[in-house]
Amino acid sequence: MKHIDQVLKLYYHCPLMMKENMDVPNGQANRSQVRLLGVNVKDREQPFATQLESGARINVYYASQLEGL
């Protein structure tokens, strides 16, 4: 059986792709490659701790707790 990782691991400066035109004249267009600078967490949302299969403990958020990247 093939293993499927159910955790999306984002890190500072990881490459991402724009999914919509935000500011075309300044290069923020659909399918442009960008780098992650941070995440916007909704007010009063708190991360929770979990342990990865490797044994590392990390703080995580559900996607529903985020406003955007």
C-alpha atoms as a PDB file:
ATOM      1  CA  MET A   1       0.000   0.000   0.000  1.00  0.00           C
ATOM      2  CA  LYS A   2       1.322   3.434  -0.963  1.00  0.00           C
ATOM      3  CA  HIS A   3       1.847   5.938   1.869  1.00  0.00           C
ATOM      4  CA  ILE A   4       0.076   9.277   1.475  1.00  0.00           C
ATOM      5  CA  ASP A   5       1.269  12.143   3.690  1.00  0.00           C
ATOM      6  CA  GLN A   6      -1.814  13.970   4.965  1.00  0.00           C
ATOM      7  CA  VAL A   7       0.111  16.977   6.283  1.00  0.00           C
ATOM      8  CA  LEU A   8       0.969  19.914   4.036  1.00  0.00           C
ATOM      9  CA  LYS A   9       4.302  21.148   5.333  1.00  0.00           C
ATOM     10  CA  LEU A  10       4.877  24.810   4.558  1.00  0.00           C
ATOM     11  CA  TYR A  11       8.079  26.583   5.470  1.00  0.00           C
ATOM     12  CA  TYR A  12       9.548  30.047   5.016  1.00  0.00           C
ATOM     13  CA  HIS A  13      10.440  30.705   1.366  1.00  0.00           C
ATOM     14  CA  CYS A  14       9.002  27.405   0.071  1.00  0.00           C
ATOM     15  CA  PRO A  15       7.982  27.695  -3.609  1.00  0.00           C
ATOM     16  CA  LEU A  16       4.269  28.099  -4.343  1.00  0.00           C
ATOM     17  CA  MET A  17       2.211  28.966  -7.410  1.00  0.00           C
ATOM     18  CA  MET A  18      -0.356  31.772  -7.658  1.00  0.00           C
ATOM     19  CA  LYS A  19      -3.821  30.424  -8.428  1.00  0.00           C
ATOM     20  CA  GLU A  20      -5.390  33.717  -9.512  1.00  0.00           C
ATOM     21  CA  ASN A  21      -4.460  37.126 -10.889  1.00  0.00           C
ATOM     22  CA  MET A  22      -3.793  39.412  -7.916  1.00  0.00           C
ATOM     23  CA  ASP A  23      -1.650  42.244  -9.363  1.00  0.00           C
ATOM     24  CA  VAL A  24      -0.760  41.450 -12.985  1.00  0.00           C
ATOM     25  CA  PRO A  25       1.262  44.634 -13.727  1.00  0.00           C
ATOM     26  CA  ASN A  26       3.571  43.734 -10.807  1.00  0.00           C
ATOM     27  CA  GLY A  27       3.960  40.079 -11.813  1.00  0.00           C
ATOM     28  CA  GLN A  28       1.389  38.550  -9.435  1.00  0.00           C
ATOM     29  CA  ALA A  29      -0.474  36.598 -12.082  1.00  0.00           C
ATOM     30  CA  ASN A  30      -2.089  33.179 -12.354  1.00  0.00           C
ATOM     31  CA  ARG A  31       0.532  30.365 -12.453  1.00  0.00           C
ATOM     32  CA  SER A  32       3.402  32.670 -11.376  1.00  0.00           C
ATOM     33  CA  GLN A  33       5.904  31.124  -8.972  1.00  0.00           C
ATOM     34  CA  VAL A  34       6.112  32.873  -5.593  1.00  0.00           C
ATOM     35  CA  ARG A  35       7.771  32.195  -2.230  1.00  0.00           C
ATOM     36  CA  LEU A  36       5.962  31.834   1.099  1.00  0.00           C
ATOM     37  CA  LEU A  37       6.661  34.718   3.473  1.00  0.00           C
ATOM     38  CA  GLY A  38       4.124  33.768   6.152  1.00  0.00           C
ATOM     39  CA  VAL A  39       0.573  32.709   6.911  1.00  0.00           C
ATOM     40  CA  ASN A  40      -2.375  34.775   8.150  1.00  0.00           C
ATOM     41  CA  VAL A  41      -4.084  33.070  11.069  1.00  0.00           C
ATOM     42  CA  LYS A  42      -7.676  34.012  11.916  1.00  0.00           C
ATOM     43  CA  ASP A  43      -8.204  35.976  15.147  1.00  0.00           C
ATOM     44  CA  ARG A  44      -8.196  33.896  18.355  1.00  0.00           C
ATOM     45  CA  GLU A  45      -7.079  30.701  16.589  1.00  0.00           C
ATOM     46  CA  GLN A  46      -4.395  28.672  18.356  1.00  0.00           C
ATOM     47  CA  PRO A  47      -2.122  25.945  16.965  1.00  0.00           C
ATOM     48  CA  PHE A  48      -2.105  22.481  18.455  1.00  0.00           C
ATOM     49  CA  ALA A  49       0.829  20.124  18.915  1.00  0.00           C
ATOM     50  CA  THR A  50       1.110  16.870  17.010  1.00  0.00           C
ATOM     51  CA  GLN A  51       3.799  14.281  16.425  1.00  0.00           C
ATOM     52  CA  LEU A  52       4.993  13.255  12.961  1.00  0.00           C
ATOM     53  CA  GLU A  53       5.845   9.665  12.082  1.00  0.00           C
ATOM     54  CA  SER A  54       9.519  10.644  12.374  1.00  0.00           C
ATOM     55  CA  GLY A  55       8.916  11.456  16.036  1.00  0.00           C
ATOM     56  CA  ALA A  56       9.267  15.216  15.591  1.00  0.00           C
ATOM     57  CA  ARG A  57       6.704  17.297  17.459  1.00  0.00           C
ATOM     58  CA  ILE A  58       5.316  20.315  15.604  1.00  0.00           C
ATOM     59  CA  ASN A  59       2.638  22.974  16.057  1.00  0.00           C
ATOM     60  CA  VAL A  60      -0.022  22.859  13.357  1.00  0.00           C
ATOM     61  CA  TYR A  61      -3.167  24.639  12.186  1.00  0.00           C
ATOM     62  CA  TYR A  62      -6.143  23.311  10.276  1.00  0.00           C
ATOM     63  CA  ALA A  63      -6.659  25.050   6.919  1.00  0.00           C
ATOM     64  CA  SER A  64      -9.967  26.388   8.272  1.00  0.00           C
ATOM     65  CA  GLN A  65      -7.982  28.339  10.926  1.00  0.00           C
ATOM     66  CA  LEU A  66      -6.112  30.327   8.275  1.00  0.00           C
ATOM     67  CA  GLU A  67      -7.175  33.414   6.356  1.00  0.00           C
ATOM     68  CA  GLY A  68      -4.518  32.995   3.700  1.00  0.00           C
ATOM     69  CA  LEU A  69      -0.867  32.770   2.821  1.00  0.00           C
END
